Amino acid sequence: MPVAPPISPAPHPLAVGAPGRPLAAIATSRIDLSTFLEHVRGVAALLPPGRHAVNLCEDRYRFLVGFCAVALRGQVNLLPPSRAPAVVAEVQQRHDQAWCLGDAAPDPLPSGWFALPEELPRLPGDVPQLDAAQLVAIGFTSGSTGAPAANPKTWGAFVTSTAQNLQALGDLWSGQVPSVVATVPPQHMYGMEMSVLLPLLAPAVLHAGRPFFPQDVAQALAEVPAPRLLVTTPVHLKALVEAGVDLPPLAGIVTATAPLPQPLAEAAEARFATEVREVFGSTETCIFARRRTAREQAWTLLPGVRLEPQEDGTLVHAPHLPAAVLLADLVELLPAGRFLLRGRRADLLEIAGKRASLGDLTRRLQAVPGVRDAVMVQLDPEPGQSVGRIAALVVAPERDEAEILRELRAGMDPVFLPRPLRRVACLPRNETGKLPRDAVLALLRGGE
């Protein structure tokens, strides 16, 4: 297996490629690398003082310009897990001299608000260089297992991890220049890696939008030249398959943020005549493994990555990580740099001497006919109890709770039946399809 080079201590260009190479597509217009760098220098000259900037830009190109301008000023981009006012305020409070950068004014306006001008200023100059050790971003976990945690990222780490991603995915577009259309926000680390850093540090073109509905995705893909790479999530991919929408020819589909069911991967490959490649990673580690889910269960590690199983999770060693990172995921190592996921320690349940996993229980609930979406969680223990109850939220407009529970009893031990099981109109998924635990608990409490 090829080994990615370790993080180089030398400065690295802010972007790579010839000055005239296309870097971004905004509708039918194109922006080359030279123009982009002029925009970065122009915006950097306007930015307010401070140490941290909460980057809330929704337009992906403007996000990229803002991100690079902040880094060029020696400041740090804060990438909140959502744009909710309370979340943004908390991120600002946790970091000194933090202001907010955006392209569309939120309501209410956060403190220290700075809006990018409608026409981006341009300032000529040489290609900027950033030291490998410079802290350029702090990403935050989604909060699906608790409070969002901060994860600092240096420029050198991003350069090295992008090189790994290019080695892992580049065969999808066979040495050509791919156009990247993404349904995930750039503030999410997966969206950052695949739709921001890849066009910046590799030969690729980013589409400035973030399409949501299936027809919007089809339109965005039609606006960029082949080969086309769709960066998405299982939730969006399921919507695309079920909508029956026609997409332009694709070089590949990349998905992450939640487990991709194998039947969905098979259906997407058949429907869109392309390969669906699932990548595995986290905000803490960035992407470190991949697989073709329609055909295999095992994951393949990216170059230079090594896993070290622990009792409570797995240590991830990678060239782009300054130190090993402990993840809660349990793995089974296989030969040739491959592994199987065996769940999470926090997902493993033991009730009345019987064992199960929340992931498996959720999959069983989602497989009940008429269930469109569902999640199972373990509640905190009640006073005097040592084990918390199992509860569930389910989207099933044509089924009632009693019917769903009857079907679950046929194949699930009674101790793991959810009590309560509550029907809702939709699950509180965030922009990447994840379910923050506090939002799930709030919906469960709302029916009490």
Protein backbone atom coordinates (compact mmCIF):
# COMPACT_ATOMS: atom_id res chain seq x y z
CA MET A 1 0.00 0.00 0.00
CA PRO A 2 1.49 3.41 -0.94
CA VAL A 3 2.43 5.65 1.93
CA ALA A 4 1.45 9.31 1.99
CA PRO A 5 4.27 11.70 2.90
CA PRO A 6 4.23 13.11 6.43
CA ILE A 7 3.33 16.74 6.98
CA SER A 8 6.07 18.92 5.52
CA PRO A 9 7.26 21.78 7.77
CA ALA A 10 7.81 24.02 4.72
CA PRO A 11 5.27 26.65 3.63
CA HIS A 12 2.77 25.49 1.04
CA PRO A 13 0.90 27.52 -1.58
CA LEU A 14 -2.64 28.57 -0.73
CA ALA A 15 -3.78 26.96 -3.99
CA VAL A 16 -2.13 24.86 -6.69
CA GLY A 17 -2.24 24.87 -10.47
CA ALA A 18 -1.71 27.21 -13.41
CA PRO A 19 -3.13 30.75 -13.08
CA GLY A 20 -5.71 30.13 -15.81
CA ARG A 21 -7.01 26.79 -14.57
CA PRO A 22 -10.73 26.80 -13.73
CA LEU A 23 -11.36 26.69 -9.99
CA ALA A 24 -15.06 27.45 -9.54
CA ALA A 25 -18.34 27.36 -11.42
CA ILE A 26 -21.10 29.83 -10.56
CA ALA A 27 -24.14 28.88 -12.67
CA THR A 28 -22.71 28.95 -16.20
CA SER A 29 -19.75 31.28 -15.51
CA ARG A 30 -16.23 30.15 -14.56
CA ILE A 31 -13.65 31.63 -12.21
CA ASP A 32 -9.99 30.83 -12.76
CA LEU A 33 -7.30 30.44 -10.12
CA SER A 34 -5.77 33.86 -10.79
CA THR A 35 -9.10 35.65 -10.28
CA PHE A 36 -9.77 33.64 -7.14
CA LEU A 37 -6.43 34.64 -5.60
CA GLU A 38 -7.13 38.29 -6.44
CA HIS A 39 -10.46 37.95 -4.62
CA VAL A 40 -8.72 36.39 -1.60
CA ARG A 41 -6.17 39.19 -1.34
CA GLY A 42 -8.87 41.82 -1.87
CA VAL A 43 -11.14 40.43 0.85
CA ALA A 44 -8.22 39.89 3.26
CA ALA A 45 -7.48 43.61 3.06
CA LEU A 46 -11.05 44.38 4.21
CA LEU A 47 -11.45 41.96 7.10
CA PRO A 48 -11.83 43.26 10.65
CA PRO A 49 -9.21 42.56 13.33
CA GLY A 50 -9.55 39.61 15.65
CA ARG A 51 -8.29 36.09 16.24
CA HIS A 52 -11.24 33.96 15.13
CA ALA A 53 -13.85 34.25 12.36
CA VAL A 54 -17.05 32.20 12.35
CA ASN A 55 -17.41 31.43 8.63
CA LEU A 56 -21.16 31.31 7.87
CA CYS A 57 -20.97 31.80 4.10
CA GLU A 58 -23.57 29.71 2.26
CA ASP A 59 -22.24 30.22 -1.26
CA ARG A 60 -19.41 27.69 -1.53
CA TYR A 61 -17.17 29.96 -3.60
CA ARG A 62 -17.59 32.86 -1.17
CA PHE A 63 -16.97 30.47 1.71
CA LEU A 64 -13.69 29.47 0.05
CA VAL A 65 -12.67 33.09 -0.56
CA GLY A 66 -13.52 33.98 3.04
CA PHE A 67 -11.76 30.91 4.41
CA CYS A 68 -8.54 31.69 2.56
CA ALA A 69 -8.71 35.43 3.32
CA VAL A 70 -9.08 34.72 7.04
CA ALA A 71 -6.10 32.34 6.91
CA LEU A 72 -4.07 34.89 4.94
CA ARG A 73 -4.67 37.41 7.74
CA GLY A 74 -3.34 34.90 10.27
CA GLN A 75 -6.77 34.37 11.83
CA VAL A 76 -8.60 31.09 12.41
CA ASN A 77 -11.83 29.96 10.73
CA LEU A 78 -14.45 28.62 13.14
CA LEU A 79 -16.73 26.08 11.46
CA PRO A 80 -19.87 25.67 13.64
CA PRO A 81 -21.94 22.46 13.41
CA SER A 82 -24.98 24.55 12.44
CA ARG A 83 -26.01 28.15 11.74
CA ALA A 84 -28.53 28.19 14.59
CA PRO A 85 -28.11 31.49 16.49
CA ALA A 86 -27.56 29.75 19.84
CA VAL A 87 -24.87 27.50 18.35
CA VAL A 88 -23.08 30.42 16.68
CA ALA A 89 -23.22 32.45 19.90
CA GLU A 90 -21.78 29.55 21.90
CA VAL A 91 -18.92 29.09 19.44
CA GLN A 92 -18.13 32.81 19.67
CA GLN A 93 -18.21 32.75 23.46
CA ARG A 94 -15.76 29.86 23.56
CA HIS A 95 -13.16 31.68 21.43
CA ASP A 96 -11.73 35.09 22.15
CA GLN A 97 -11.92 37.96 19.65
CA ALA A 98 -14.40 36.05 17.49
CA TRP A 99 -16.39 37.82 14.78
CA CYS A 100 -18.74 36.46 12.10
CA LEU A 101 -18.24 36.38 8.34
CA GLY A 102 -21.12 35.73 5.95
CA ASP A 103 -22.71 36.37 2.58
CA ALA A 104 -26.38 36.48 3.67
CA ALA A 105 -27.45 38.32 6.80
CA PRO A 106 -28.98 35.92 9.36
CA ASP A 107 -31.78 37.00 11.67
CA PRO A 108 -30.86 37.92 14.34
CA LEU A 109 -27.47 39.22 13.35
CA PRO A 110 -24.67 37.66 15.44
CA SER A 111 -22.24 39.94 17.21
CA GLY A 112 -19.31 41.18 15.19
CA TRP A 113 -21.11 40.60 11.89
CA PHE A 114 -19.12 41.28 8.69
CA ALA A 115 -20.78 40.75 5.30
CA LEU A 116 -18.77 40.05 2.19
CA PRO A 117 -19.39 42.77 -0.41
CA GLU A 118 -21.64 41.77 -3.29
CA GLU A 119 -18.83 42.46 -5.73
CA LEU A 120 -15.67 40.91 -4.35
CA PRO A 121 -12.67 43.26 -4.43
CA ARG A 122 -9.58 42.21 -6.41
CA LEU A 123 -5.96 42.76 -5.48
CA PRO A 124 -3.11 41.38 -7.65
CA GLY A 125 -0.02 39.74 -6.20
CA ASP A 126 1.95 36.53 -5.89
CA VAL A 127 0.47 33.18 -4.84
CA PRO A 128 0.24 33.34 -1.02
CA GLN A 129 2.12 30.79 1.07
CA LEU A 130 1.02 29.47 4.46
CA ASP A 131 3.24 27.78 7.04
CA ALA A 132 2.38 24.13 7.58
CA ALA A 133 2.06 24.71 11.33
CA GLN A 134 -0.40 27.60 10.95
CA LEU A 135 -3.75 26.92 12.60
CA VAL A 136 -6.32 27.71 9.89
CA ALA A 137 -9.56 26.15 11.13
CA ILE A 138 -11.38 24.71 14.10
CA GLY A 139 -14.10 22.22 13.23
CA PHE A 140 -16.80 21.04 15.60
CA THR A 141 -18.38 17.63 15.99
CA SER A 142 -22.08 17.38 15.19
CA GLY A 143 -23.27 16.75 18.73
CA SER A 144 -24.88 13.42 17.79
CA THR A 145 -23.33 11.83 20.88
CA GLY A 146 -23.16 14.86 23.15
CA ALA A 147 -21.94 18.48 23.18
CA PRO A 148 -20.02 19.57 20.04
CA ALA A 149 -16.24 19.34 20.57
CA ALA A 150 -13.62 21.61 18.98
CA ASN A 151 -10.97 20.14 16.68
CA PRO A 152 -8.09 22.37 15.48
CA LYS A 153 -6.69 21.90 11.96
CA THR A 154 -3.37 23.19 10.61
CA TRP A 155 -2.63 24.05 7.00
CA GLY A 156 -0.08 21.25 6.75
CA ALA A 157 -2.62 18.70 7.99
CA PHE A 158 -5.11 19.82 5.33
CA VAL A 159 -2.48 19.63 2.58
CA THR A 160 -1.49 16.09 3.58
CA SER A 161 -5.04 14.80 4.06
CA THR A 162 -6.09 16.22 0.67
CA ALA A 163 -3.23 14.35 -1.00
CA GLN A 164 -4.51 11.16 0.65
CA ASN A 165 -8.07 11.80 -0.53
CA LEU A 166 -6.83 12.38 -4.07
CA GLN A 167 -5.02 9.03 -4.03
CA ALA A 168 -8.13 7.30 -2.68
CA LEU A 169 -10.63 8.78 -5.13
CA GLY A 170 -8.69 9.98 -8.16
CA ASP A 171 -9.30 6.80 -10.14
CA LEU A 172 -12.98 7.80 -10.39
CA TRP A 173 -12.10 10.58 -12.85
CA SER A 174 -9.02 8.94 -14.46
CA GLY A 175 -6.59 11.86 -14.46
CA GLN A 176 -9.10 14.40 -15.77
CA VAL A 177 -10.31 17.50 -13.89
CA PRO A 178 -13.54 16.68 -12.01
CA SER A 179 -16.35 19.12 -11.32
CA VAL A 180 -17.52 18.76 -7.72
CA VAL A 181 -21.18 19.32 -6.81
CA ALA A 182 -21.93 18.91 -3.10
CA THR A 183 -25.13 18.77 -1.06
CA VAL A 184 -23.22 19.08 2.23
CA PRO A 185 -22.29 22.44 3.79
CA PRO A 186 -18.65 23.54 3.58
CA GLN A 187 -18.60 24.08 7.36
CA HIS A 188 -18.85 20.31 7.90
CA MET A 189 -15.43 18.63 7.82
CA TYR A 190 -16.50 16.13 5.14
CA GLY A 191 -17.88 19.00 3.03
CA MET A 192 -14.71 20.96 3.72
CA GLU A 193 -12.46 18.14 2.56
CA MET A 194 -14.35 17.07 -0.53
CA SER A 195 -15.84 20.30 -1.88
CA VAL A 196 -13.43 23.01 -0.69
CA LEU A 197 -9.95 21.60 -0.13
CA LEU A 198 -10.03 19.24 -3.12
CA PRO A 199 -10.64 22.06 -5.66
CA LEU A 200 -8.15 24.28 -3.83
CA LEU A 201 -5.27 21.80 -3.52
CA ALA A 202 -5.90 19.46 -6.45
CA PRO A 203 -7.04 19.81 -10.05
CA ALA A 204 -10.80 20.12 -9.49
CA VAL A 205 -13.60 22.65 -10.02
CA LEU A 206 -16.11 23.47 -7.29
CA HIS A 207 -19.75 24.30 -7.92
CA ALA A 208 -20.65 27.29 -5.78
CA GLY A 209 -24.14 26.14 -4.82
CA ARG A 210 -25.46 23.66 -2.28
CA PRO A 211 -28.44 22.01 -3.99
CA PHE A 212 -30.97 20.35 -1.72
CA PHE A 213 -33.93 18.93 -3.67
CA PRO A 214 -33.36 16.25 -6.34
CA GLN A 215 -34.18 18.57 -9.26
CA ASP A 216 -31.76 21.15 -7.85
CA VAL A 217 -29.02 18.53 -7.75
CA ALA A 218 -29.71 17.58 -11.36
CA GLN A 219 -29.60 21.25 -12.40
CA ALA A 220 -26.32 21.89 -10.56
CA LEU A 221 -24.71 18.86 -12.19
CA ALA A 222 -25.91 20.04 -15.60
CA GLU A 223 -24.17 23.39 -15.04
CA VAL A 224 -20.69 21.86 -14.80
CA PRO A 225 -18.63 19.93 -17.37
CA ALA A 226 -17.82 16.23 -17.13
CA PRO A 227 -16.38 14.38 -15.36
CA ARG A 228 -18.83 15.13 -12.54
CA LEU A 229 -18.43 14.09 -8.90
CA LEU A 230 -21.46 14.25 -6.60
CA VAL A 231 -20.56 14.65 -2.91
CA THR A 232 -23.57 13.82 -0.78
CA THR A 233 -25.05 11.93 2.19
CA PRO A 234 -27.19 8.80 2.50
CA VAL A 235 -30.25 10.95 3.23
CA HIS A 236 -29.82 12.97 0.00
CA LEU A 237 -28.89 9.86 -1.99
CA LYS A 238 -32.06 8.10 -0.88
CA ALA A 239 -34.12 11.12 -1.95
CA LEU A 240 -32.45 11.13 -5.38
CA VAL A 241 -33.13 7.43 -5.93
CA GLU A 242 -36.75 7.63 -4.77
CA ALA A 243 -37.46 10.76 -6.83
CA GLY A 244 -36.54 8.96 -10.06
CA VAL A 245 -34.73 12.08 -11.25
CA ASP A 246 -32.40 11.87 -14.27
CA LEU A 247 -28.84 13.03 -13.62
CA PRO A 248 -26.14 13.88 -16.17
CA PRO A 249 -23.40 11.24 -16.52
CA LEU A 250 -21.38 10.93 -13.31
CA ALA A 251 -17.77 9.93 -12.71
CA GLY A 252 -18.79 8.87 -9.22
CA ILE A 253 -20.81 9.55 -6.10
CA VAL A 254 -19.11 10.00 -2.74
CA THR A 255 -21.09 9.69 0.47
CA ALA A 256 -20.44 10.00 4.20
CA THR A 257 -21.81 11.34 7.55
CA ALA A 258 -23.97 8.26 8.26
CA PRO A 259 -23.86 4.54 7.44
CA LEU A 260 -24.88 3.84 3.84
CA PRO A 261 -27.22 0.82 3.59
CA GLN A 262 -25.95 -1.65 1.01
CA PRO A 263 -29.33 -1.88 -0.79
CA LEU A 264 -29.34 1.90 -1.23
CA ALA A 265 -25.79 1.82 -2.62
CA GLU A 266 -26.80 -0.91 -5.08
CA ALA A 267 -29.93 1.00 -6.13
CA ALA A 268 -27.97 4.24 -6.66
CA GLU A 269 -25.30 2.53 -8.75
CA ALA A 270 -27.96 0.91 -10.92
CA ARG A 271 -30.07 4.08 -11.23
CA PHE A 272 -27.22 6.48 -12.07
CA ALA A 273 -24.80 4.07 -13.81
CA THR A 274 -21.82 5.05 -11.67
CA GLU A 275 -19.81 3.93 -8.66
CA VAL A 276 -20.91 4.95 -5.18
CA ARG A 277 -17.87 5.23 -2.94
CA GLU A 278 -18.42 5.64 0.78
CA VAL A 279 -15.70 7.35 2.82
CA PHE A 280 -15.16 6.98 6.55
CA GLY A 281 -13.81 9.57 8.93
CA SER A 282 -14.73 12.14 11.54
CA THR A 283 -14.21 15.77 12.43
CA GLU A 284 -11.38 14.62 14.69
CA THR A 285 -9.57 12.52 12.07
CA CYS A 286 -10.76 13.72 8.63
CA ILE A 287 -11.30 10.96 6.03
CA PHE A 288 -9.13 7.88 6.54
CA ALA A 289 -10.86 4.95 4.77
CA ARG A 290 -13.10 4.13 1.81
CA ARG A 291 -15.17 1.30 0.35
CA ARG A 292 -17.52 0.49 -2.53
CA THR A 293 -20.51 -0.29 -0.34
CA ALA A 294 -22.58 -1.94 -3.06
CA ARG A 295 -19.97 -4.69 -3.37
CA GLU A 296 -18.04 -4.90 -0.10
CA GLN A 297 -18.45 -4.60 3.64
CA ALA A 298 -14.78 -4.09 4.50
CA TRP A 299 -13.14 -0.67 4.48
CA THR A 300 -9.74 0.07 2.91
CA LEU A 301 -7.42 2.42 4.79
CA LEU A 302 -5.99 5.44 2.97
CA PRO A 303 -2.22 5.55 2.39
CA GLY A 304 -0.18 5.66 5.58
CA VAL A 305 -3.14 5.17 7.94
CA ARG A 306 -2.92 2.56 10.70
CA LEU A 307 -5.59 1.49 13.21
CA GLU A 308 -4.90 0.25 16.73
CA PRO A 309 -7.91 -1.38 18.44
CA GLN A 310 -8.47 -0.42 22.07
CA GLU A 311 -10.90 -1.66 24.68
CA ASP A 312 -13.03 1.47 24.37
CA GLY A 313 -12.54 2.26 20.67
CA THR A 314 -9.80 2.57 18.06
CA LEU A 315 -6.66 4.68 17.82
CA VAL A 316 -6.20 6.22 14.38
CA HIS A 317 -2.61 6.91 13.27
CA ALA A 318 -2.31 8.94 10.06
CA PRO A 319 0.29 11.13 8.32
CA HIS A 320 -1.96 14.20 8.64
CA LEU A 321 -2.55 13.74 12.38
CA PRO A 322 0.03 15.20 14.80
CA ALA A 323 -0.88 12.46 17.29
CA ALA A 324 -3.07 9.36 17.30
CA VAL A 325 -6.79 10.06 17.74
CA LEU A 326 -9.09 7.78 19.74
CA LEU A 327 -12.47 7.12 18.10
CA ALA A 328 -15.38 5.36 19.79
CA ASP A 329 -15.74 2.97 16.83
CA LEU A 330 -14.83 -0.68 17.36
CA VAL A 331 -13.09 -2.42 14.44
CA GLU A 332 -11.92 -5.84 13.34
CA LEU A 333 -8.63 -5.64 11.46
CA LEU A 334 -8.24 -7.61 8.23
CA PRO A 335 -5.20 -8.25 6.00
CA ALA A 336 -4.03 -5.77 3.36
CA GLY A 337 -5.00 -2.60 5.23
CA ARG A 338 -8.69 -3.43 5.51
CA PHE A 339 -11.09 -3.53 8.43
CA LEU A 340 -14.70 -4.14 9.44
CA LEU A 341 -16.72 -1.82 11.65
CA ARG A 342 -18.18 -3.55 14.70
CA GLY A 343 -20.22 -0.68 16.13
CA ARG A 344 -19.46 1.70 18.95
CA ARG A 345 -18.86 0.95 22.60
CA ALA A 346 -21.47 3.58 23.48
CA ASP A 347 -23.99 1.80 21.21
CA LEU A 348 -23.58 -1.58 22.88
CA LEU A 349 -26.44 -2.39 25.20
CA GLU A 350 -26.66 -4.90 28.05
CA ILE A 351 -30.09 -5.17 29.64
CA ALA A 352 -31.22 -8.07 31.84
CA GLY A 353 -28.11 -10.04 30.81
CA LYS A 354 -28.87 -9.68 27.08
CA ARG A 355 -26.81 -7.73 24.55
CA ALA A 356 -27.59 -5.72 21.44
CA SER A 357 -26.43 -2.58 19.61
CA LEU A 358 -28.39 0.58 19.00
CA GLY A 359 -27.24 0.59 15.39
CA ASP A 360 -28.65 -2.87 14.73
CA LEU A 361 -31.90 -2.08 16.58
CA THR A 362 -32.31 1.09 14.54
CA ARG A 363 -31.80 -0.82 11.28
CA ARG A 364 -34.49 -3.33 12.31
CA LEU A 365 -36.91 -0.52 13.06
CA GLN A 366 -36.14 1.18 9.74
CA ALA A 367 -36.85 -2.13 7.96
CA VAL A 368 -40.44 -2.33 9.21
CA PRO A 369 -42.82 -1.84 6.24
CA GLY A 370 -44.20 1.68 6.14
CA VAL A 371 -41.33 3.16 8.18
CA ARG A 372 -39.63 5.94 6.22
CA ASP A 373 -37.09 6.96 8.86
CA ALA A 374 -36.36 6.03 12.46
CA VAL A 375 -33.84 6.19 15.28
CA MET A 376 -33.47 4.36 18.58
CA VAL A 377 -31.65 5.79 21.59
CA GLN A 378 -30.96 4.79 25.16
CA LEU A 379 -32.26 7.31 27.68
CA ASP A 380 -30.37 8.28 30.79
CA PRO A 381 -31.23 6.04 33.75
CA GLU A 382 -34.15 7.21 35.89
CA PRO A 383 -33.56 7.80 39.62
CA GLY A 384 -32.94 4.49 41.35
CA GLN A 385 -32.30 2.66 38.07
CA SER A 386 -28.90 1.54 36.76
CA VAL A 387 -29.91 1.15 33.09
CA GLY A 388 -31.75 3.61 30.88
CA ARG A 389 -34.81 2.67 28.84
CA ILE A 390 -34.76 2.31 25.05
CA ALA A 391 -36.81 4.89 23.16
CA ALA A 392 -37.49 5.55 19.49
CA LEU A 393 -38.67 8.18 17.07
CA VAL A 394 -40.25 6.95 13.86
CA VAL A 395 -41.55 8.54 10.65
CA ALA A 396 -44.40 6.29 9.47
CA PRO A 397 -47.44 8.28 8.33
CA GLU A 398 -49.49 5.20 7.46
CA ARG A 399 -48.68 3.04 10.50
CA ASP A 400 -49.51 3.54 14.17
CA GLU A 401 -47.26 2.85 17.13
CA ALA A 402 -49.02 -0.37 18.18
CA GLU A 403 -48.65 -1.89 14.70
CA ILE A 404 -44.96 -1.06 14.54
CA LEU A 405 -44.32 -2.54 17.99
CA ARG A 406 -46.14 -5.74 17.04
CA GLU A 407 -43.86 -6.18 14.04
CA LEU A 408 -40.76 -5.47 16.13
CA ARG A 409 -41.76 -8.09 18.71
CA ALA A 410 -41.56 -10.78 16.02
CA GLY A 411 -37.81 -10.36 15.68
CA MET A 412 -36.61 -8.38 18.72
CA ASP A 413 -36.11 -9.41 22.33
CA PRO A 414 -38.77 -7.72 24.48
CA VAL A 415 -36.15 -6.06 26.72
CA PHE A 416 -35.02 -3.97 23.72
CA LEU A 417 -38.46 -2.87 22.54
CA PRO A 418 -38.59 0.94 22.58
CA ARG A 419 -40.68 2.47 25.35
CA PRO A 420 -41.73 4.99 24.30
CA LEU A 421 -41.95 4.65 20.53
CA ARG A 422 -43.19 7.97 19.21
CA ARG A 423 -44.33 8.88 15.70
CA VAL A 424 -43.14 12.24 14.35
CA ALA A 425 -43.53 14.05 11.04
CA CYS A 426 -39.78 14.06 10.47
CA LEU A 427 -36.59 13.40 12.39
CA PRO A 428 -34.52 16.42 13.51
CA ARG A 429 -31.65 15.73 11.12
CA ASN A 430 -29.08 18.47 10.66
CA GLU A 431 -27.64 19.67 7.33
CA THR A 432 -25.55 16.50 6.94
CA GLY A 433 -28.30 14.08 7.93
CA LYS A 434 -27.05 13.45 11.46
CA LEU A 435 -29.27 13.42 14.54
CA PRO A 436 -28.02 15.57 17.43
CA ARG A 437 -28.85 13.73 20.64
CA ASP A 438 -30.31 16.81 22.36
CA ALA A 439 -32.75 17.34 19.47
CA VAL A 440 -33.88 13.69 19.61
CA LEU A 441 -34.39 13.88 23.38
CA ALA A 442 -36.32 17.12 23.02
CA LEU A 443 -38.78 15.45 20.62
CA LEU A 444 -39.15 12.49 22.96
CA ARG A 445 -39.81 14.81 25.90
CA GLY A 446 -42.28 16.82 23.84
CA GLY A 447 -44.74 13.95 23.80
CA GLU A 448 -44.66 13.36 27.55
